[in-house]
Amino acid sequence: MNPRLITKFFGNPAASPLVLASGVMGVSYSGMLKAVECGCGIITTKSMTLEPRKGHDGPVVAEFLGGFINSMGLSNPGIEEGLQEVTDFKKHSDAPIIVSIFGTSADEFVSLIKCVNDSEADAVELNLSCPNVADEYGIPLASSKEKVSEIVSAVKRVSKLPVIAKLSPNSYNVPEIGKAARDAGADALTLVNTLGPGMLIDIEAQKPVILSKFGGVSGYALKPIAVKIVYQTAQLVSIPIIGTGGITNGNDAVEFRLAGASYLGIGTAVYYGGIEVFSKINDELVAYMDRHHIESFNDITPIV
């Protein structure tokens, strides 16, 4: 790995600022290891719940010109089994790993963080913003400054790990919600989750492409929105931001860095470029630094 890309993640060295986004290969330790071997610096697990969830019946993913919609329905093996994968991952890698958790209330998040406290995770991400389970849980928690503040505060009181709040792009005042999360004790933010939900219709079959009709929008169509939210939020808070939403190449990664992101979440790009996309983006980051005579990734200064 190129030493010019090495960064720190809450004091732990990461070989690259690239982060495997939650929901992409973050279920099994073997998939997470493969991402690291291919140049990913930091891993995020798929969001875990207290009990296993089957998720929605398929089809749950569909591609369109600007990206994807998905309605996985938070399928996961539950916190106990999920954390075993984290243990197995750490037997083979020192790369930082973020455990993503999803709950419906402050009490649930506290129960989840108590489990994560005893794991080998390096940080915990609060998924406050999943848009494709609204049929079960209503409007995402991240839509409310008060709810975000309540949950982050409750988790911080018991967490032994750095706490990252993952927010939704669907609220008009995301930067203010990010500031509320920071004020409640969040150590970092992930900006942003998928947009929507949206809908695609198969005109030949004359029915929705996704069985559950609606799904969160990810990929390139999300990028301008995510870049704007990262930029605006970075003007209000000084805590690290994991910028994610449509990063498919090194130029996209630089754009998020210039907007104020400390780390760069990669998700949909894995579909387009395969797991090797991490190595490709790393190489393109270095090429950008060469062109602009910049020594290291951390020397790329965000715009104001």
C-alpha atoms as a PDB file:
ATOM      1  CA  MET A   1       0.000   0.000   0.000  1.00  0.00           C
ATOM      2  CA  ASN A   2       1.218   3.487  -0.815  1.00  0.00           C
ATOM      3  CA  PRO A   3       2.395   5.241   2.386  1.00  0.00           C
ATOM      4  CA  ARG A   4       1.055   8.541   1.031  1.00  0.00           C
ATOM      5  CA  LEU A   5      -2.462   7.238   1.614  1.00  0.00           C
ATOM      6  CA  ILE A   6      -1.980   6.165   5.234  1.00  0.00           C
ATOM      7  CA  THR A   7      -4.304   7.973   7.604  1.00  0.00           C
ATOM      8  CA  LYS A   8      -5.413   7.687  11.218  1.00  0.00           C
ATOM      9  CA  PHE A   9      -8.815   6.455  12.301  1.00  0.00           C
ATOM     10  CA  PHE A  10      -9.371   7.353  15.962  1.00  0.00           C
ATOM     11  CA  GLY A  11      -5.698   6.731  16.591  1.00  0.00           C
ATOM     12  CA  ASN A  12      -5.517   3.503  14.603  1.00  0.00           C
ATOM     13  CA  PRO A  13      -3.519   3.441  11.355  1.00  0.00           C
ATOM     14  CA  ALA A  14      -5.510   2.826   8.182  1.00  0.00           C
ATOM     15  CA  ALA A  15      -3.703   1.970   4.964  1.00  0.00           C
ATOM     16  CA  SER A  16      -6.107   4.105   2.929  1.00  0.00           C
ATOM     17  CA  PRO A  17      -8.888   6.645   3.565  1.00  0.00           C
ATOM     18  CA  LEU A  18     -11.273   4.380   1.621  1.00  0.00           C
ATOM     19  CA  VAL A  19     -14.084   2.881   3.704  1.00  0.00           C
ATOM     20  CA  LEU A  20     -16.196  -0.137   2.759  1.00  0.00           C
ATOM     21  CA  ALA A  21     -19.708   1.263   3.132  1.00  0.00           C
ATOM     22  CA  SER A  22     -22.240  -0.588   5.264  1.00  0.00           C
ATOM     23  CA  GLY A  23     -24.272  -3.186   3.382  1.00  0.00           C
ATOM     24  CA  VAL A  24     -21.588  -4.024   0.810  1.00  0.00           C
ATOM     25  CA  MET A  25     -19.641  -7.236   1.529  1.00  0.00           C
ATOM     26  CA  GLY A  26     -19.805  -6.449   5.245  1.00  0.00           C
ATOM     27  CA  VAL A  27     -21.569  -9.621   6.346  1.00  0.00           C
ATOM     28  CA  SER A  28     -18.819 -12.270   6.358  1.00  0.00           C
ATOM     29  CA  TYR A  29     -15.263 -11.882   7.569  1.00  0.00           C
ATOM     30  CA  SER A  30     -13.977 -13.348   4.297  1.00  0.00           C
ATOM     31  CA  GLY A  31     -15.680 -10.625   2.246  1.00  0.00           C
ATOM     32  CA  MET A  32     -14.329  -7.926   4.544  1.00  0.00           C
ATOM     33  CA  LEU A  33     -10.827  -9.380   4.327  1.00  0.00           C
ATOM     34  CA  LYS A  34     -11.019  -9.419   0.543  1.00  0.00           C
ATOM     35  CA  ALA A  35     -11.876  -5.719   0.547  1.00  0.00           C
ATOM     36  CA  VAL A  36      -8.811  -4.968   2.695  1.00  0.00           C
ATOM     37  CA  GLU A  37      -6.582  -7.097   0.479  1.00  0.00           C
ATOM     38  CA  CYS A  38      -7.775  -5.052  -2.501  1.00  0.00           C
ATOM     39  CA  GLY A  39      -6.929  -1.685  -0.956  1.00  0.00           C
ATOM     40  CA  CYS A  40      -9.776  -0.755   1.390  1.00  0.00           C
ATOM     41  CA  GLY A  41      -8.488   0.960   4.521  1.00  0.00           C
ATOM     42  CA  ILE A  42     -11.482   0.784   6.891  1.00  0.00           C
ATOM     43  CA  ILE A  43     -14.362  -1.709   7.014  1.00  0.00           C
ATOM     44  CA  THR A  44     -17.990  -1.074   7.933  1.00  0.00           C
ATOM     45  CA  THR A  45     -20.172  -4.074   8.679  1.00  0.00           C
ATOM     46  CA  LYS A  46     -23.695  -4.482   7.438  1.00  0.00           C
ATOM     47  CA  SER A  47     -26.123  -2.954   9.942  1.00  0.00           C
ATOM     48  CA  MET A  48     -26.865  -5.360  12.781  1.00  0.00           C
ATOM     49  CA  THR A  49     -30.074  -5.600  14.805  1.00  0.00           C
ATOM     50  CA  LEU A  50     -30.716  -7.229  18.158  1.00  0.00           C
ATOM     51  CA  GLU A  51     -32.383 -10.227  16.511  1.00  0.00           C
ATOM     52  CA  PRO A  52     -31.764 -11.761  13.073  1.00  0.00           C
ATOM     53  CA  ARG A  53     -33.768 -10.280  10.209  1.00  0.00           C
ATOM     54  CA  LYS A  54     -34.670 -12.087   7.012  1.00  0.00           C
ATOM     55  CA  GLY A  55     -35.225  -8.827   5.174  1.00  0.00           C
ATOM     56  CA  HIS A  56     -37.558  -8.239   2.253  1.00  0.00           C
ATOM     57  CA  ASP A  57     -38.446 -10.827  -0.354  1.00  0.00           C
ATOM     58  CA  GLY A  58     -36.821 -10.350  -3.747  1.00  0.00           C
ATOM     59  CA  PRO A  59     -36.234  -8.804  -6.097  1.00  0.00           C
ATOM     60  CA  VAL A  60     -34.677  -6.241  -3.761  1.00  0.00           C
ATOM     61  CA  VAL A  61     -32.114  -4.506  -5.999  1.00  0.00           C
ATOM     62  CA  ALA A  62     -32.486  -2.849  -9.395  1.00  0.00           C
ATOM     63  CA  GLU A  63     -30.116  -0.822 -11.552  1.00  0.00           C
ATOM     64  CA  PHE A  64     -31.021   2.343 -13.425  1.00  0.00           C
ATOM     65  CA  LEU A  65     -28.977   4.784 -15.475  1.00  0.00           C
ATOM     66  CA  GLY A  66     -27.770   6.791 -12.469  1.00  0.00           C
ATOM     67  CA  GLY A  67     -27.238   4.000  -9.950  1.00  0.00           C
ATOM     68  CA  PHE A  68     -29.377   1.560  -7.983  1.00  0.00           C
ATOM     69  CA  ILE A  69     -32.407   1.313  -5.808  1.00  0.00           C
ATOM     70  CA  ASN A  70     -32.437  -1.327  -3.107  1.00  0.00           C
ATOM     71  CA  SER A  71     -34.845  -2.547  -0.487  1.00  0.00           C
ATOM     72  CA  MET A  72     -32.892  -5.179   1.400  1.00  0.00           C
ATOM     73  CA  GLY A  73     -34.965  -4.661   4.522  1.00  0.00           C
ATOM     74  CA  LEU A  74     -31.996  -4.727   6.922  1.00  0.00           C
ATOM     75  CA  SER A  75     -31.379  -8.437   6.426  1.00  0.00           C
ATOM     76  CA  ASN A  76     -28.675  -9.543   8.878  1.00  0.00           C
ATOM     77  CA  PRO A  77     -27.821 -12.467  11.171  1.00  0.00           C
ATOM     78  CA  GLY A  78     -28.326 -10.467  14.366  1.00  0.00           C
ATOM     79  CA  ILE A  79     -25.802  -8.821  16.640  1.00  0.00           C
ATOM     80  CA  GLU A  80     -24.436 -11.994  18.251  1.00  0.00           C
ATOM     81  CA  GLU A  81     -23.560 -13.790  15.035  1.00  0.00           C
ATOM     82  CA  GLY A  82     -22.526 -10.568  13.328  1.00  0.00           C
ATOM     83  CA  LEU A  83     -19.963  -9.790  16.011  1.00  0.00           C
ATOM     84  CA  GLN A  84     -18.485 -13.264  15.610  1.00  0.00           C
ATOM     85  CA  GLU A  85     -17.604 -12.277  12.040  1.00  0.00           C
ATOM     86  CA  VAL A  86     -15.847  -9.206  13.461  1.00  0.00           C
ATOM     87  CA  THR A  87     -13.826 -11.458  15.783  1.00  0.00           C
ATOM     88  CA  ASP A  88     -12.860 -13.708  12.883  1.00  0.00           C
ATOM     89  CA  PHE A  89     -11.904 -10.701  10.760  1.00  0.00           C
ATOM     90  CA  LYS A  90      -9.605  -9.361  13.474  1.00  0.00           C
ATOM     91  CA  LYS A  91      -7.788 -12.706  13.628  1.00  0.00           C
ATOM     92  CA  HIS A  92      -6.528 -11.986  10.128  1.00  0.00           C
ATOM     93  CA  SER A  93      -6.351  -8.182   9.835  1.00  0.00           C
ATOM     94  CA  ASP A  94      -5.463  -5.098  11.862  1.00  0.00           C
ATOM     95  CA  ALA A  95      -7.549  -2.830   9.621  1.00  0.00           C
ATOM     96  CA  PRO A  96     -10.013  -0.682  11.596  1.00  0.00           C
ATOM     97  CA  ILE A  97     -13.568  -2.006  11.578  1.00  0.00           C
ATOM     98  CA  ILE A  98     -16.778  -0.092  12.250  1.00  0.00           C
ATOM     99  CA  VAL A  99     -19.784  -2.045  13.483  1.00  0.00           C
ATOM    100  CA  SER A 100     -23.009  -0.586  12.104  1.00  0.00           C
ATOM    101  CA  ILE A 101     -26.086  -1.018  14.303  1.00  0.00           C
ATOM    102  CA  PHE A 102     -29.770  -0.298  13.733  1.00  0.00           C
ATOM    103  CA  GLY A 103     -32.435   0.169  16.380  1.00  0.00           C
ATOM    104  CA  THR A 104     -35.852   1.758  16.631  1.00  0.00           C
ATOM    105  CA  SER A 105     -35.316   3.629  19.897  1.00  0.00           C
ATOM    106  CA  ALA A 106     -32.624   4.907  22.223  1.00  0.00           C
ATOM    107  CA  ASP A 107     -33.125   1.827  24.418  1.00  0.00           C
ATOM    108  CA  GLU A 108     -32.502  -0.521  21.503  1.00  0.00           C
ATOM    109  CA  PHE A 109     -29.377   1.327  20.461  1.00  0.00           C
ATOM    110  CA  VAL A 110     -28.098   1.189  24.041  1.00  0.00           C
ATOM    111  CA  SER A 111     -28.701  -2.577  24.165  1.00  0.00           C
ATOM    112  CA  LEU A 112     -26.806  -2.961  20.898  1.00  0.00           C
ATOM    113  CA  ILE A 113     -23.857  -0.823  21.986  1.00  0.00           C
ATOM    114  CA  LYS A 114     -23.493  -2.879  25.153  1.00  0.00           C
ATOM    115  CA  CYS A 115     -22.923  -5.888  22.908  1.00  0.00           C
ATOM    116  CA  VAL A 116     -20.478  -4.018  20.679  1.00  0.00           C
ATOM    117  CA  ASN A 117     -18.521  -2.757  23.701  1.00  0.00           C
ATOM    118  CA  ASP A 118     -17.304  -6.294  24.328  1.00  0.00           C
ATOM    119  CA  SER A 119     -16.292  -6.884  20.711  1.00  0.00           C
ATOM    120  CA  GLU A 120     -13.121  -6.144  18.766  1.00  0.00           C
ATOM    121  CA  ALA A 121     -14.711  -3.267  16.875  1.00  0.00           C
ATOM    122  CA  ASP A 122     -12.800  -0.001  16.577  1.00  0.00           C
ATOM    123  CA  ALA A 123     -15.905   2.207  16.327  1.00  0.00           C
ATOM    124  CA  VAL A 124     -19.687   1.944  16.115  1.00  0.00           C
ATOM    125  CA  GLU A 125     -21.912   3.526  13.475  1.00  0.00           C
ATOM    126  CA  LEU A 126     -25.499   4.368  14.397  1.00  0.00           C
ATOM    127  CA  ASN A 127     -27.673   3.724  11.348  1.00  0.00           C
ATOM    128  CA  LEU A 128     -30.290   6.363  12.041  1.00  0.00           C
ATOM    129  CA  SER A 129     -31.390   6.726   8.458  1.00  0.00           C
ATOM    130  CA  CYS A 130     -32.340   3.539   6.617  1.00  0.00           C
ATOM    131  CA  PRO A 131     -35.065   4.588   4.134  1.00  0.00           C
ATOM    132  CA  ASN A 132     -36.318   1.173   3.021  1.00  0.00           C
ATOM    133  CA  VAL A 133     -37.942  -0.007   6.246  1.00  0.00           C
ATOM    134  CA  ALA A 134     -40.287   2.963   6.608  1.00  0.00           C
ATOM    135  CA  ASP A 135     -43.209   0.593   6.181  1.00  0.00           C
ATOM    136  CA  GLU A 136     -42.200  -1.019   9.480  1.00  0.00           C
ATOM    137  CA  TYR A 137     -40.627   1.810  11.438  1.00  0.00           C
ATOM    138  CA  GLY A 138     -41.937   5.037   9.954  1.00  0.00           C
ATOM    139  CA  ILE A 139     -39.869   8.105   9.144  1.00  0.00           C
ATOM    140  CA  PRO A 140     -36.107   7.546   9.708  1.00  0.00           C
ATOM    141  CA  LEU A 141     -34.858   8.741  13.085  1.00  0.00           C
ATOM    142  CA  ALA A 142     -32.312  10.981  11.360  1.00  0.00           C
ATOM    143  CA  SER A 143     -35.130  13.281  10.236  1.00  0.00           C
ATOM    144  CA  SER A 144     -35.387  14.678  13.763  1.00  0.00           C
ATOM    145  CA  LYS A 145     -32.679  16.688  15.527  1.00  0.00           C
ATOM    146  CA  GLU A 146     -34.303  15.794  18.831  1.00  0.00           C
ATOM    147  CA  LYS A 147     -34.298  12.038  18.139  1.00  0.00           C
ATOM    148  CA  VAL A 148     -30.733  12.090  16.867  1.00  0.00           C
ATOM    149  CA  SER A 149     -29.606  14.009  19.927  1.00  0.00           C
ATOM    150  CA  GLU A 150     -31.498  11.676  22.274  1.00  0.00           C
ATOM    151  CA  ILE A 151     -30.043   8.513  20.756  1.00  0.00           C
ATOM    152  CA  VAL A 152     -26.476   9.758  20.422  1.00  0.00           C
ATOM    153  CA  SER A 153     -26.519  11.037  24.011  1.00  0.00           C
ATOM    154  CA  ALA A 154     -27.870   7.735  25.316  1.00  0.00           C
ATOM    155  CA  VAL A 155     -25.296   5.701  23.408  1.00  0.00           C
ATOM    156  CA  LYS A 156     -22.393   7.938  24.421  1.00  0.00           C
ATOM    157  CA  ARG A 157     -23.215   7.435  28.084  1.00  0.00           C
ATOM    158  CA  VAL A 158     -22.416   3.721  27.801  1.00  0.00           C
ATOM    159  CA  SER A 159     -20.174   3.370  24.742  1.00  0.00           C
ATOM    160  CA  LYS A 160     -16.544   2.404  25.134  1.00  0.00           C
ATOM    161  CA  LEU A 161     -15.992   3.100  21.437  1.00  0.00           C
ATOM    162  CA  PRO A 162     -16.058   6.172  19.189  1.00  0.00           C
ATOM    163  CA  VAL A 163     -19.612   6.796  17.989  1.00  0.00           C
ATOM    164  CA  ILE A 164     -20.433   7.691  14.380  1.00  0.00           C
ATOM    165  CA  ALA A 165     -23.894   8.963  13.424  1.00  0.00           C
ATOM    166  CA  LYS A 166     -25.047   8.017   9.916  1.00  0.00           C
ATOM    167  CA  LEU A 167     -27.500  10.568   8.590  1.00  0.00           C
ATOM    168  CA  SER A 168     -30.065  10.743   5.819  1.00  0.00           C
ATOM    169  CA  PRO A 169     -29.964  13.076   2.794  1.00  0.00           C
ATOM    170  CA  ASN A 170     -33.757  13.335   2.897  1.00  0.00           C
ATOM    171  CA  SER A 171     -33.928  16.142   5.460  1.00  0.00           C
ATOM    172  CA  TYR A 172     -33.521  19.725   4.278  1.00  0.00           C
ATOM    173  CA  ASN A 173     -31.476  20.619   7.361  1.00  0.00           C
ATOM    174  CA  VAL A 174     -28.949  17.752   7.436  1.00  0.00           C
ATOM    175  CA  PRO A 175     -26.030  20.022   8.465  1.00  0.00           C
ATOM    176  CA  GLU A 176     -28.002  21.208  11.503  1.00  0.00           C
ATOM    177  CA  ILE A 177     -28.858  17.598  12.366  1.00  0.00           C
ATOM    178  CA  GLY A 178     -25.161  16.761  12.059  1.00  0.00           C
ATOM    179  CA  LYS A 179     -24.365  19.621  14.429  1.00  0.00           C
ATOM    180  CA  ALA A 180     -26.959  18.279  16.882  1.00  0.00           C
ATOM    181  CA  ALA A 181     -25.294  14.866  16.713  1.00  0.00           C
ATOM    182  CA  ARG A 182     -21.908  16.472  17.368  1.00  0.00           C
ATOM    183  CA  ASP A 183     -23.296  18.451  20.294  1.00  0.00           C
ATOM    184  CA  ALA A 184     -24.734  15.224  21.735  1.00  0.00           C
ATOM    185  CA  GLY A 185     -21.293  13.649  21.662  1.00  0.00           C
ATOM    186  CA  ALA A 186     -20.914  12.009  18.234  1.00  0.00           C
ATOM    187  CA  ASP A 187     -17.247  11.499  17.421  1.00  0.00           C
ATOM    188  CA  ALA A 188     -17.817  11.432  13.648  1.00  0.00           C
ATOM    189  CA  LEU A 189     -20.550  11.500  11.013  1.00  0.00           C
ATOM    190  CA  THR A 190     -21.300   9.352   7.979  1.00  0.00           C
ATOM    191  CA  LEU A 191     -22.818  11.487   5.220  1.00  0.00           C
ATOM    192  CA  VAL A 192     -24.958  10.202   3.642  1.00  0.00           C
ATOM    193  CA  ASN A 193     -27.224   7.172   3.556  1.00  0.00           C
ATOM    194  CA  THR A 194     -29.281   6.346   0.463  1.00  0.00           C
ATOM    195  CA  LEU A 195     -31.816   8.838  -0.868  1.00  0.00           C
ATOM    196  CA  GLY A 196     -35.529   8.356  -1.188  1.00  0.00           C
ATOM    197  CA  PRO A 197     -36.938   5.805  -1.239  1.00  0.00           C
ATOM    198  CA  GLY A 198     -37.509   5.851  -4.971  1.00  0.00           C
ATOM    199  CA  MET A 199     -39.392   3.656  -7.415  1.00  0.00           C
ATOM    200  CA  LEU A 200     -38.808   1.939 -10.761  1.00  0.00           C
ATOM    201  CA  ILE A 201     -41.546   0.397 -12.912  1.00  0.00           C
ATOM    202  CA  ASP A 202     -41.082  -2.372 -15.479  1.00  0.00           C
ATOM    203  CA  ILE A 203     -43.195  -1.065 -18.354  1.00  0.00           C
ATOM    204  CA  GLU A 204     -43.428  -4.463 -20.068  1.00  0.00           C
ATOM    205  CA  ALA A 205     -44.548  -6.316 -16.956  1.00  0.00           C
ATOM    206  CA  GLN A 206     -46.421  -3.175 -15.842  1.00  0.00           C
ATOM    207  CA  LYS A 207     -45.425  -3.574 -12.218  1.00  0.00           C
ATOM    208  CA  PRO A 208     -42.759  -2.248  -9.849  1.00  0.00           C
ATOM    209  CA  VAL A 209     -39.275  -3.643 -10.387  1.00  0.00           C
ATOM    210  CA  ILE A 210     -38.719  -3.982  -6.624  1.00  0.00           C
ATOM    211  CA  LEU A 211     -41.139  -6.401  -4.998  1.00  0.00           C
ATOM    212  CA  SER A 212     -41.706  -4.060  -2.059  1.00  0.00           C
ATOM    213  CA  LYS A 213     -42.205  -1.242  -4.639  1.00  0.00           C
ATOM    214  CA  PHE A 214     -39.800   1.309  -3.145  1.00  0.00           C
ATOM    215  CA  GLY A 215     -36.072   1.361  -2.420  1.00  0.00           C
ATOM    216  CA  GLY A 216     -33.239   3.617  -1.342  1.00  0.00           C
ATOM    217  CA  VAL A 217     -31.385   5.353  -4.194  1.00  0.00           C
ATOM    218  CA  SER A 218     -27.609   4.971  -4.282  1.00  0.00           C
ATOM    219  CA  GLY A 219     -24.848   5.495  -6.790  1.00  0.00           C
ATOM    220  CA  TYR A 220     -23.803   8.307  -9.061  1.00  0.00           C
ATOM    221  CA  ALA A 221     -27.149  10.123  -9.023  1.00  0.00           C
ATOM    222  CA  LEU A 222     -26.668  10.696  -5.295  1.00  0.00           C
ATOM    223  CA  LYS A 223     -23.198  12.248  -5.564  1.00  0.00           C
ATOM    224  CA  PRO A 224     -23.982  15.972  -6.030  1.00  0.00           C
ATOM    225  CA  ILE A 225     -26.399  15.863  -3.113  1.00  0.00           C
ATOM    226  CA  ALA A 226     -23.906  14.058  -0.890  1.00  0.00           C
ATOM    227  CA  VAL A 227     -21.061  16.420  -1.799  1.00  0.00           C
ATOM    228  CA  LYS A 228     -23.224  19.434  -0.922  1.00  0.00           C
ATOM    229  CA  ILE A 229     -24.249  17.948   2.434  1.00  0.00           C
ATOM    230  CA  VAL A 230     -20.647  17.053   3.307  1.00  0.00           C
ATOM    231  CA  TYR A 231     -19.492  20.565   2.403  1.00  0.00           C
ATOM    232  CA  GLN A 232     -22.226  22.344   4.368  1.00  0.00           C
ATOM    233  CA  THR A 233     -21.806  20.110   7.411  1.00  0.00           C
ATOM    234  CA  ALA A 234     -18.032  20.473   7.412  1.00  0.00           C
ATOM    235  CA  GLN A 235     -18.554  24.229   7.765  1.00  0.00           C
ATOM    236  CA  LEU A 236     -20.435  23.634  11.031  1.00  0.00           C
ATOM    237  CA  VAL A 237     -18.528  20.799  12.720  1.00  0.00           C
ATOM    238  CA  SER A 238     -14.887  19.862  13.102  1.00  0.00           C
ATOM    239  CA  ILE A 239     -15.363  16.155  13.792  1.00  0.00           C
ATOM    240  CA  PRO A 240     -14.397  13.679  11.038  1.00  0.00           C
ATOM    241  CA  ILE A 241     -16.848  12.982   8.230  1.00  0.00           C
ATOM    242  CA  ILE A 242     -17.070   9.782   6.226  1.00  0.00           C
ATOM    243  CA  GLY A 243     -18.301  11.064   2.864  1.00  0.00           C
ATOM    244  CA  THR A 244     -20.239   8.533   0.837  1.00  0.00           C
ATOM    245  CA  GLY A 245     -22.630   8.578  -2.088  1.00  0.00           C
ATOM    246  CA  GLY A 246     -21.636   7.874  -5.673  1.00  0.00           C
ATOM    247  CA  ILE A 247     -17.839   7.703  -5.385  1.00  0.00           C
ATOM    248  CA  THR A 248     -16.763   5.575  -8.358  1.00  0.00           C
ATOM    249  CA  ASN A 249     -13.252   6.820  -9.127  1.00  0.00           C
ATOM    250  CA  GLY A 250     -10.362   8.828  -7.747  1.00  0.00           C
ATOM    251  CA  ASN A 251     -11.699  12.152  -8.986  1.00  0.00           C
ATOM    252  CA  ASP A 252     -14.956  11.572  -7.079  1.00  0.00           C
ATOM    253  CA  ALA A 253     -12.919  10.731  -3.992  1.00  0.00           C
ATOM    254  CA  VAL A 254     -10.934  13.964  -4.278  1.00  0.00           C
ATOM    255  CA  GLU A 255     -14.172  15.905  -4.710  1.00  0.00           C
ATOM    256  CA  PHE A 256     -15.480  14.585  -1.395  1.00  0.00           C
ATOM    257  CA  ARG A 257     -12.152  15.356   0.268  1.00  0.00           C
ATOM    258  CA  LEU A 258     -12.261  18.928  -1.022  1.00  0.00           C
ATOM    259  CA  ALA A 259     -15.815  19.183   0.333  1.00  0.00           C
ATOM    260  CA  GLY A 260     -14.528  18.295   3.801  1.00  0.00           C
ATOM    261  CA  ALA A 261     -14.621  14.505   4.123  1.00  0.00           C
ATOM    262  CA  SER A 262     -11.889  12.858   6.183  1.00  0.00           C
ATOM    263  CA  TYR A 263     -12.687   9.372   4.845  1.00  0.00           C
ATOM    264  CA  LEU A 264     -14.373   8.135   1.686  1.00  0.00           C
ATOM    265  CA  GLY A 265     -17.130   5.533   1.695  1.00  0.00           C
ATOM    266  CA  ILE A 266     -17.268   3.158  -1.282  1.00  0.00           C
ATOM    267  CA  GLY A 267     -20.400   1.122  -1.979  1.00  0.00           C
ATOM    268  CA  THR A 268     -22.073   0.975  -5.389  1.00  0.00           C
ATOM    269  CA  ALA A 269     -18.684   1.265  -7.123  1.00  0.00           C
ATOM    270  CA  VAL A 270     -17.919  -2.293  -6.013  1.00  0.00           C
ATOM    271  CA  TYR A 271     -20.693  -3.477  -8.339  1.00  0.00           C
ATOM    272  CA  TYR A 272     -19.374  -1.507 -11.293  1.00  0.00           C
ATOM    273  CA  GLY A 273     -15.662  -2.104 -10.809  1.00  0.00           C
ATOM    274  CA  GLY A 274     -15.494  -5.262  -8.735  1.00  0.00           C
ATOM    275  CA  ILE A 275     -13.669  -5.503  -5.448  1.00  0.00           C
ATOM    276  CA  GLU A 276     -10.514  -4.294  -7.217  1.00  0.00           C
ATOM    277  CA  VAL A 277     -12.110  -0.832  -7.429  1.00  0.00           C
ATOM    278  CA  PHE A 278     -10.471   0.046  -4.091  1.00  0.00           C
ATOM    279  CA  SER A 279      -6.993  -0.402  -5.585  1.00  0.00           C
ATOM    280  CA  LYS A 280      -8.026   1.557  -8.684  1.00  0.00           C
ATOM    281  CA  ILE A 281      -9.326   4.511  -6.650  1.00  0.00           C
ATOM    282  CA  ASN A 282      -6.190   4.486  -4.493  1.00  0.00           C
ATOM    283  CA  ASP A 283      -4.019   4.665  -7.612  1.00  0.00           C
ATOM    284  CA  GLU A 284      -6.107   7.528  -8.986  1.00  0.00           C
ATOM    285  CA  LEU A 285      -5.822   9.417  -5.693  1.00  0.00           C
ATOM    286  CA  VAL A 286      -2.034   9.138  -5.882  1.00  0.00           C
ATOM    287  CA  ALA A 287      -2.066  10.261  -9.525  1.00  0.00           C
ATOM    288  CA  TYR A 288      -4.066  13.354  -8.518  1.00  0.00           C
ATOM    289  CA  MET A 289      -1.572  14.118  -5.753  1.00  0.00           C
ATOM    290  CA  ASP A 290       1.284  13.753  -8.224  1.00  0.00           C
ATOM    291  CA  ARG A 291      -0.357  16.190 -10.655  1.00  0.00           C
ATOM    292  CA  HIS A 292      -0.862  18.762  -7.922  1.00  0.00           C
ATOM    293  CA  HIS A 293       2.442  18.159  -6.107  1.00  0.00           C
ATOM    294  CA  ILE A 294       0.699  17.049  -2.913  1.00  0.00           C
ATOM    295  CA  GLU A 295       2.658  14.754  -0.621  1.00  0.00           C
ATOM    296  CA  SER A 296      -0.151  12.848   1.110  1.00  0.00           C
ATOM    297  CA  PHE A 297      -3.911  12.458   1.151  1.00  0.00           C
ATOM    298  CA  ASN A 298      -4.110  14.374   4.428  1.00  0.00           C
ATOM    299  CA  ASP A 299      -2.446  17.328   2.699  1.00  0.00           C
ATOM    300  CA  ILE A 300      -5.399  17.752   0.331  1.00  0.00           C
ATOM    301  CA  THR A 301      -6.978  20.792   1.944  1.00  0.00           C
ATOM    302  CA  PRO A 302     -10.796  21.094   1.924  1.00  0.00           C
ATOM    303  CA  ILE A 303     -12.175  24.218   0.313  1.00  0.00           C
ATOM    304  CA  VAL A 304     -13.946  26.894   2.376  1.00  0.00           C
END
